[in-house]
Amino acid sequence: MDFIVELPECQGYDAIMVVVDRFTKMAHFTACTTGITSEQTALLFIDRVVRYHGIPEQIISDCGVQFSSQFWSHFWKALKLTPVLSTLYHPETDGQSKRTNSVLNQYIRAFCDYHQDDWYILLATGEFAYNNTKHSSIQCTPFFANTGLNPRFTEAASKSISDNPNELAEQLQDAESFARSQLQFAREEIKKYADRHRTAATKYKPGDQVLLSSENIKTTRPKVKWSDKRLGPYTVIKEVYPNSDSYKLKLPDGMKIHPVFHTSLLTPYYANSFNGQKDPPPQPVMIENNEEYIVERIVDSQQRGRKHKYTEYLVKWQGYNLDSKNNEDWITDTGHCKDTLKDYLRHSKSTQEKTKRRKRTLHH
């Protein structure tokens, strides 16, 4: 599933929801709006997909707000679906819908008028033409892969489907077997050429330190060529799905980006092994005009102001010493290290309770 958004308005619509079946390649094009919500997406999905094909086993999509919301998560669980969200800057995960988007855009560009305000009426014929065209992967039309025959559109009628239930079942089984074999052949061909430029993906475990490629992260540094090629190190939290080659990293809370990255953007981090030399302190990352350092841990806290109005925390920045003159260690704004603050408060509370128990024991 994917969306083509911000189109010229036509009959109240300015977006298209594209749904493609990975096996038969059948596609549905549904007009909608750019600001479509998760609830509206679910209703369109039921109306255009479930009504005709039943409930699929999984849905592959990007990380748009419609698919990453709490409502959509509950919707998946209710239908017992497996969600598969593409990772940041790795569109190959949902490449099927991206390729179909390209075909649909090419069709509309060829047939819409100069003002591009009649694309809505082209969706029905575009969907029919797409599903009635021989697909290069399965070597038959999506219509034939679904029903065992091609619908009649011209005077040259298609081969009619048999009235005999046994022959009908055999025709459908033959169509499915043929499509499956052709699809497997297409996958092997694509993999053969793609593997020429690939190496085995590096595997990481929770707790490993990695460097993140800055290729897709915008900073305010004037000269891109002189900027750091890799940022971090960051800690690996977990692998998103088994054998998915995508990992969730522990990023500073101030970095407002999705924390899941494909392994191609990650590099193992190795500390400096030369005697007497230390790695230089990491430079801050400018995200939305804010310098973002990584808090390694909170060391201490103290009450400040009249009547203890606010709390200051002594933090250790990752890569810096506590006595570093280039870094201010006492901070009051902990919005970018919420998880670290929770760990500190939990540990502090546990320490206080142990101290109280020890005092009570000594008193008795």
Protein backbone atom coordinates (compact mmCIF):
# COMPACT_ATOMS: atom_id res chain seq x y z
CA MET A 1 0.00 0.00 0.00
CA ASP A 2 1.15 3.51 -0.83
CA PHE A 3 -0.18 6.99 -1.58
CA ILE A 4 0.38 9.44 -4.44
CA VAL A 5 -0.31 12.79 -2.77
CA GLU A 6 -0.57 16.53 -3.47
CA LEU A 7 -2.16 16.11 -6.89
CA PRO A 8 -4.19 18.86 -8.63
CA GLU A 9 -7.64 18.83 -7.05
CA CYS A 10 -10.26 16.93 -9.06
CA GLN A 11 -13.84 16.47 -7.82
CA GLY A 12 -12.68 17.06 -4.25
CA TYR A 13 -9.78 14.57 -4.37
CA ASP A 14 -6.06 15.32 -4.45
CA ALA A 15 -4.44 11.91 -3.76
CA ILE A 16 -4.55 8.26 -4.87
CA MET A 17 -4.28 5.16 -2.67
CA VAL A 18 -2.45 2.39 -4.53
CA VAL A 19 -2.79 -1.24 -3.40
CA VAL A 20 -0.90 -4.05 -5.17
CA ASP A 21 -0.99 -7.81 -4.62
CA ARG A 22 2.56 -9.15 -4.45
CA PHE A 23 1.61 -12.50 -6.00
CA THR A 24 -0.89 -11.82 -8.79
CA LYS A 25 0.20 -8.16 -9.28
CA MET A 26 -3.43 -7.03 -9.34
CA ALA A 27 -3.71 -3.35 -8.40
CA HIS A 28 -6.48 -1.04 -7.20
CA PHE A 29 -6.35 2.76 -7.60
CA THR A 30 -8.64 4.69 -5.24
CA ALA A 31 -9.06 8.47 -5.13
CA CYS A 32 -8.68 10.06 -1.68
CA THR A 33 -7.25 13.19 -0.06
CA THR A 34 -3.70 14.04 1.02
CA GLY A 35 -4.80 14.47 4.64
CA ILE A 36 -6.40 11.02 4.84
CA THR A 37 -6.46 9.62 8.38
CA SER A 38 -5.77 6.11 9.61
CA GLU A 39 -9.49 5.49 10.13
CA GLN A 40 -10.31 6.57 6.57
CA THR A 41 -7.46 4.44 5.23
CA ALA A 42 -8.83 1.40 7.03
CA LEU A 43 -12.31 1.99 5.55
CA LEU A 44 -10.88 2.31 2.03
CA PHE A 45 -8.82 -0.83 2.57
CA ILE A 46 -11.92 -2.80 3.58
CA ASP A 47 -13.98 -1.35 0.71
CA ARG A 48 -11.45 -1.83 -2.10
CA VAL A 49 -9.40 -4.84 -0.94
CA VAL A 50 -11.12 -6.97 1.70
CA ARG A 51 -14.47 -6.84 -0.09
CA TYR A 52 -13.00 -8.37 -3.26
CA HIS A 53 -10.07 -10.46 -2.06
CA GLY A 54 -10.51 -11.17 1.64
CA ILE A 55 -7.98 -10.41 4.37
CA PRO A 56 -4.33 -10.65 3.29
CA GLU A 57 -1.62 -12.21 5.44
CA GLN A 58 0.53 -9.07 5.62
CA ILE A 59 0.63 -5.45 4.46
CA ILE A 60 3.82 -3.77 3.29
CA SER A 61 3.88 0.03 3.48
CA ASP A 62 6.10 2.97 4.29
CA CYS A 63 6.28 4.70 7.67
CA GLY A 64 3.60 7.29 6.87
CA VAL A 65 1.39 8.61 9.64
CA GLN A 66 -1.51 6.50 8.38
CA PHE A 67 0.43 3.26 8.87
CA SER A 68 2.44 4.06 12.00
CA SER A 69 -0.44 5.33 14.13
CA GLN A 70 -1.84 3.54 17.17
CA PHE A 71 -5.21 3.04 15.43
CA TRP A 72 -3.60 1.26 12.47
CA SER A 73 -1.65 -0.94 14.87
CA HIS A 74 -4.88 -2.06 16.58
CA PHE A 75 -6.48 -2.51 13.15
CA TRP A 76 -3.70 -4.90 12.15
CA LYS A 77 -4.09 -6.90 15.34
CA ALA A 78 -7.87 -7.14 14.95
CA LEU A 79 -7.49 -8.60 11.44
CA LYS A 80 -4.49 -10.72 12.50
CA LEU A 81 -2.25 -9.10 9.91
CA THR A 82 1.53 -8.86 9.94
CA PRO A 83 2.72 -5.26 9.45
CA VAL A 84 5.89 -4.66 7.42
CA LEU A 85 7.03 -1.02 7.42
CA SER A 86 9.81 0.10 5.11
CA THR A 87 12.87 1.56 6.82
CA LEU A 88 14.20 5.07 6.36
CA TYR A 89 15.76 5.66 2.92
CA HIS A 90 15.39 2.03 1.89
CA PRO A 91 12.45 2.08 -0.56
CA GLU A 92 13.20 -1.43 -1.80
CA THR A 93 11.05 -2.80 1.03
CA ASP A 94 7.85 -1.52 -0.58
CA GLY A 95 9.30 -1.31 -4.08
CA GLN A 96 6.30 -3.09 -5.62
CA SER A 97 3.93 -0.20 -4.89
CA LYS A 98 6.60 2.36 -5.87
CA ARG A 99 6.95 0.71 -9.28
CA THR A 100 3.17 0.65 -9.74
CA ASN A 101 3.02 4.34 -8.81
CA SER A 102 5.46 5.05 -11.62
CA VAL A 103 3.29 3.16 -14.15
CA LEU A 104 0.14 4.99 -12.99
CA ASN A 105 1.86 8.39 -13.19
CA GLN A 106 3.01 7.59 -16.72
CA TYR A 107 -0.55 6.65 -17.74
CA ILE A 108 -2.12 9.80 -16.25
CA ARG A 109 0.56 12.02 -17.78
CA ALA A 110 -0.26 10.64 -21.22
CA PHE A 111 -4.05 11.04 -21.03
CA CYS A 112 -4.86 13.96 -18.69
CA ASP A 113 -5.64 17.38 -20.14
CA TYR A 114 -3.44 20.49 -19.96
CA HIS A 115 -4.84 21.63 -16.59
CA GLN A 116 -4.46 18.11 -15.12
CA ASP A 117 -7.84 18.36 -13.42
CA ASP A 118 -9.50 15.29 -14.96
CA TRP A 119 -7.30 12.52 -13.56
CA TYR A 120 -10.12 11.15 -11.37
CA ILE A 121 -12.11 9.88 -14.36
CA LEU A 122 -8.99 8.12 -15.70
CA LEU A 123 -8.52 5.89 -12.63
CA ALA A 124 -11.15 3.28 -13.58
CA THR A 125 -9.83 2.71 -17.11
CA GLY A 126 -6.25 2.93 -15.83
CA GLU A 127 -6.88 0.20 -13.27
CA PHE A 128 -8.56 -2.01 -15.87
CA ALA A 129 -5.75 -1.47 -18.38
CA TYR A 130 -3.10 -2.25 -15.77
CA ASN A 131 -4.79 -5.45 -14.59
CA ASN A 132 -5.50 -6.58 -18.18
CA THR A 133 -1.90 -6.13 -19.36
CA LYS A 134 0.64 -8.95 -19.38
CA HIS A 135 2.99 -8.49 -16.41
CA SER A 136 6.68 -9.17 -17.02
CA SER A 137 7.14 -11.00 -13.69
CA ILE A 138 4.30 -13.53 -13.92
CA GLN A 139 4.08 -13.62 -17.75
CA CYS A 140 0.30 -13.23 -17.68
CA THR A 141 -2.24 -10.57 -16.78
CA PRO A 142 -3.25 -9.96 -13.15
CA PHE A 143 -6.84 -10.74 -14.18
CA PHE A 144 -5.77 -14.16 -15.48
CA ALA A 145 -3.71 -14.87 -12.36
CA ASN A 146 -6.79 -14.16 -10.18
CA THR A 147 -9.63 -15.74 -12.18
CA GLY A 148 -8.06 -17.97 -14.82
CA LEU A 149 -9.26 -15.85 -17.77
CA ASN A 150 -8.94 -12.40 -19.27
CA PRO A 151 -12.10 -10.22 -19.39
CA ARG A 152 -13.51 -9.32 -22.81
CA PHE A 153 -12.78 -5.73 -23.78
CA THR A 154 -12.88 -5.89 -27.59
CA GLU A 155 -14.63 -8.05 -30.17
CA ALA A 156 -11.87 -10.62 -29.78
CA ALA A 157 -13.35 -12.50 -26.84
CA SER A 158 -11.12 -14.20 -24.30
CA LYS A 159 -11.18 -17.89 -23.69
CA SER A 160 -14.33 -18.57 -21.70
CA ILE A 161 -14.13 -20.24 -18.35
CA SER A 162 -15.42 -23.77 -18.10
CA ASP A 163 -18.82 -24.59 -16.60
CA ASN A 164 -17.48 -27.91 -15.31
CA PRO A 165 -16.35 -27.43 -11.67
CA ASN A 166 -13.52 -29.93 -12.04
CA GLU A 167 -12.20 -28.26 -15.18
CA LEU A 168 -12.63 -24.86 -13.53
CA ALA A 169 -10.55 -25.93 -10.52
CA GLU A 170 -7.90 -27.37 -12.83
CA GLN A 171 -7.75 -24.15 -14.86
CA LEU A 172 -7.32 -22.03 -11.74
CA GLN A 173 -4.63 -24.36 -10.37
CA ASP A 174 -2.77 -24.24 -13.69
CA ALA A 175 -2.97 -20.44 -13.73
CA GLU A 176 -1.66 -20.21 -10.17
CA SER A 177 1.18 -22.66 -10.80
CA PHE A 178 2.18 -20.85 -13.97
CA ALA A 179 2.16 -17.43 -12.27
CA ARG A 180 4.10 -18.75 -9.28
CA SER A 181 6.81 -20.34 -11.45
CA GLN A 182 7.20 -17.19 -13.55
CA LEU A 183 7.33 -15.00 -10.46
CA GLN A 184 10.03 -17.20 -8.93
CA PHE A 185 12.03 -17.01 -12.16
CA ALA A 186 11.73 -13.20 -12.20
CA ARG A 187 12.91 -12.99 -8.58
CA GLU A 188 15.93 -15.18 -9.29
CA GLU A 189 16.85 -13.05 -12.30
CA ILE A 190 16.57 -9.81 -10.31
CA LYS A 191 18.57 -11.31 -7.44
CA LYS A 192 21.30 -12.57 -9.77
CA TYR A 193 22.01 -9.12 -11.19
CA ALA A 194 21.57 -7.32 -7.87
CA ASP A 195 23.97 -9.67 -6.05
CA ARG A 196 26.80 -8.62 -8.34
CA HIS A 197 27.07 -5.39 -6.37
CA ARG A 198 26.20 -6.75 -2.94
CA THR A 199 28.08 -8.22 -0.02
CA ALA A 200 26.73 -10.16 2.94
CA ALA A 201 24.92 -7.89 5.39
CA THR A 202 26.66 -7.29 8.72
CA LYS A 203 24.70 -8.67 11.67
CA TYR A 204 24.42 -6.74 14.93
CA LYS A 205 23.27 -7.69 18.41
CA PRO A 206 21.52 -5.52 21.02
CA GLY A 207 24.13 -3.41 22.75
CA ASP A 208 26.54 -3.21 19.80
CA GLN A 209 27.98 0.21 18.97
CA VAL A 210 27.54 1.39 15.36
CA LEU A 211 28.16 4.50 13.30
CA LEU A 212 25.28 5.92 11.26
CA SER A 213 25.80 7.25 7.74
CA SER A 214 25.06 10.99 7.50
CA GLU A 215 24.11 10.63 3.82
CA ASN A 216 20.42 11.30 4.44
CA ILE A 217 20.65 13.51 7.53
CA LYS A 218 20.60 17.26 6.93
CA THR A 219 22.80 19.43 9.13
CA THR A 220 23.70 23.14 9.13
CA ARG A 221 27.36 22.60 8.30
CA PRO A 222 28.19 24.77 5.24
CA LYS A 223 30.44 22.33 3.35
CA VAL A 224 28.94 18.88 2.88
CA LYS A 225 32.24 17.38 1.69
CA TRP A 226 33.91 18.41 4.95
CA SER A 227 31.14 17.12 7.17
CA ASP A 228 31.38 13.86 9.06
CA LYS A 229 30.54 10.89 6.88
CA ARG A 230 29.31 8.90 9.87
CA LEU A 231 27.66 9.95 13.12
CA GLY A 232 27.72 8.30 16.50
CA PRO A 233 28.49 5.89 17.93
CA TYR A 234 24.93 4.80 18.70
CA THR A 235 23.73 1.71 20.50
CA VAL A 236 21.73 -1.01 18.74
CA ILE A 237 18.47 -1.69 20.60
CA LYS A 238 17.13 -4.59 18.56
CA GLU A 239 16.64 -6.07 15.11
CA VAL A 240 13.22 -4.94 13.91
CA TYR A 241 12.19 -8.27 12.39
CA PRO A 242 14.09 -11.57 12.17
CA ASN A 243 16.40 -11.56 9.12
CA SER A 244 15.14 -8.10 8.10
CA ASP A 245 18.61 -6.46 8.14
CA SER A 246 16.99 -3.42 9.78
CA TYR A 247 17.91 -2.23 13.25
CA LYS A 248 16.50 0.19 15.79
CA LEU A 249 19.09 2.55 17.30
CA LYS A 250 19.08 4.55 20.50
CA LEU A 251 19.23 8.13 19.23
CA PRO A 252 19.11 11.40 21.18
CA ASP A 253 15.50 12.41 21.75
CA GLY A 254 16.21 15.70 20.00
CA MET A 255 16.89 13.95 16.70
CA LYS A 256 13.38 13.89 15.29
CA ILE A 257 13.98 11.07 12.82
CA HIS A 258 12.77 7.50 12.64
CA PRO A 259 15.22 5.35 14.68
CA VAL A 260 15.11 2.30 12.35
CA PHE A 261 17.83 1.99 9.70
CA HIS A 262 18.88 -0.58 7.13
CA THR A 263 22.22 -2.25 7.74
CA SER A 264 23.65 -0.60 4.60
CA LEU A 265 23.62 2.71 6.52
CA LEU A 266 25.41 1.26 9.56
CA THR A 267 29.10 0.60 10.21
CA PRO A 268 30.56 -1.26 13.20
CA TYR A 269 32.24 1.07 15.68
CA TYR A 270 35.74 0.24 16.89
CA ALA A 271 37.40 2.25 19.66
CA ASN A 272 40.86 3.67 19.04
CA SER A 273 43.35 0.85 19.65
CA PHE A 274 46.59 2.92 19.59
CA ASN A 275 48.29 3.26 22.96
CA GLY A 276 48.21 6.75 24.39
CA GLN A 277 45.63 7.98 21.88
CA LYS A 278 41.97 8.57 22.45
CA ASP A 279 39.15 9.17 20.04
CA PRO A 280 38.33 12.87 19.73
CA PRO A 281 35.11 13.97 21.42
CA PRO A 282 32.19 13.60 19.01
CA GLN A 283 30.93 16.79 17.44
CA PRO A 284 27.30 17.78 17.98
CA VAL A 285 24.77 17.12 15.25
CA MET A 286 22.74 20.13 14.15
CA ILE A 287 19.12 18.99 13.86
CA GLU A 288 16.60 21.74 13.13
CA ASN A 289 19.14 24.41 14.20
CA ASN A 290 19.75 22.70 17.57
CA GLU A 291 23.03 21.18 18.72
CA GLU A 292 22.39 17.62 19.83
CA TYR A 293 24.88 15.77 22.07
CA ILE A 294 24.32 12.27 23.40
CA VAL A 295 23.89 11.88 27.17
CA GLU A 296 25.71 8.75 28.27
CA ARG A 297 24.42 8.84 31.86
CA ILE A 298 23.22 11.18 34.63
CA VAL A 299 25.71 11.31 37.49
CA ASP A 300 24.08 13.55 40.11
CA SER A 301 21.28 16.06 40.70
CA GLN A 302 20.62 19.08 42.90
CA GLN A 303 17.73 21.41 43.73
CA ARG A 304 18.16 25.03 42.67
CA GLY A 305 16.25 28.27 43.02
CA ARG A 306 14.06 29.55 45.80
CA LYS A 307 12.03 26.81 47.43
CA HIS A 308 13.73 24.30 45.09
CA LYS A 309 11.76 25.37 42.05
CA TYR A 310 13.81 23.35 39.57
CA THR A 311 16.37 20.54 39.43
CA GLU A 312 19.77 20.52 37.77
CA TYR A 313 21.38 17.31 36.60
CA LEU A 314 25.06 16.55 36.22
CA VAL A 315 25.40 14.57 32.99
CA LYS A 316 28.25 12.80 31.30
CA TRP A 317 28.23 13.42 27.57
CA GLN A 318 29.20 10.46 25.45
CA GLY A 319 32.85 10.82 24.44
CA TYR A 320 33.59 13.59 26.99
CA ASN A 321 35.09 13.55 30.46
CA LEU A 322 33.23 15.07 33.39
CA ASP A 323 36.00 17.67 33.84
CA SER A 324 35.92 18.73 30.20
CA LYS A 325 36.31 22.49 29.91
CA ASN A 326 34.55 22.60 26.54
CA ASN A 327 31.35 21.16 27.85
CA GLU A 328 28.81 22.38 30.43
CA ASP A 329 27.82 19.37 32.51
CA TRP A 330 25.02 20.81 34.65
CA ILE A 331 21.75 20.99 32.68
CA THR A 332 18.12 21.67 33.51
CA ASP A 333 16.50 20.70 30.20
CA THR A 334 16.28 16.91 30.01
CA GLY A 335 13.87 16.74 27.08
CA HIS A 336 16.52 15.12 24.87
CA CYS A 337 17.43 12.37 27.36
CA LYS A 338 14.09 11.21 28.79
CA ASP A 339 15.01 7.53 28.86
CA THR A 340 18.30 8.26 30.61
CA LEU A 341 16.47 10.42 33.18
CA LYS A 342 14.00 7.60 33.88
CA ASP A 343 16.88 5.18 34.48
CA TYR A 344 18.57 7.65 36.82
CA LEU A 345 15.40 8.33 38.84
CA ARG A 346 14.67 4.60 39.10
CA HIS A 347 18.22 3.88 40.27
CA SER A 348 18.16 6.86 42.66
CA LYS A 349 14.88 5.71 44.20
CA SER A 350 16.23 2.18 44.61
CA THR A 351 19.39 3.53 46.28
CA GLN A 352 17.37 5.66 48.70
CA GLU A 353 15.21 2.68 49.69
CA LYS A 354 18.31 0.55 50.34
CA THR A 355 19.79 3.33 52.49
CA LYS A 356 16.59 3.60 54.55
CA ARG A 357 16.50 -0.17 55.11
CA ARG A 358 20.16 -0.18 56.16
CA LYS A 359 19.53 2.66 58.63
CA ARG A 360 16.54 0.85 60.13
CA THR A 361 18.63 -2.31 60.48
CA LEU A 362 21.43 -0.42 62.26
CA HIS A 363 18.95 1.32 64.56
CA HIS A 364 17.41 -2.01 65.67
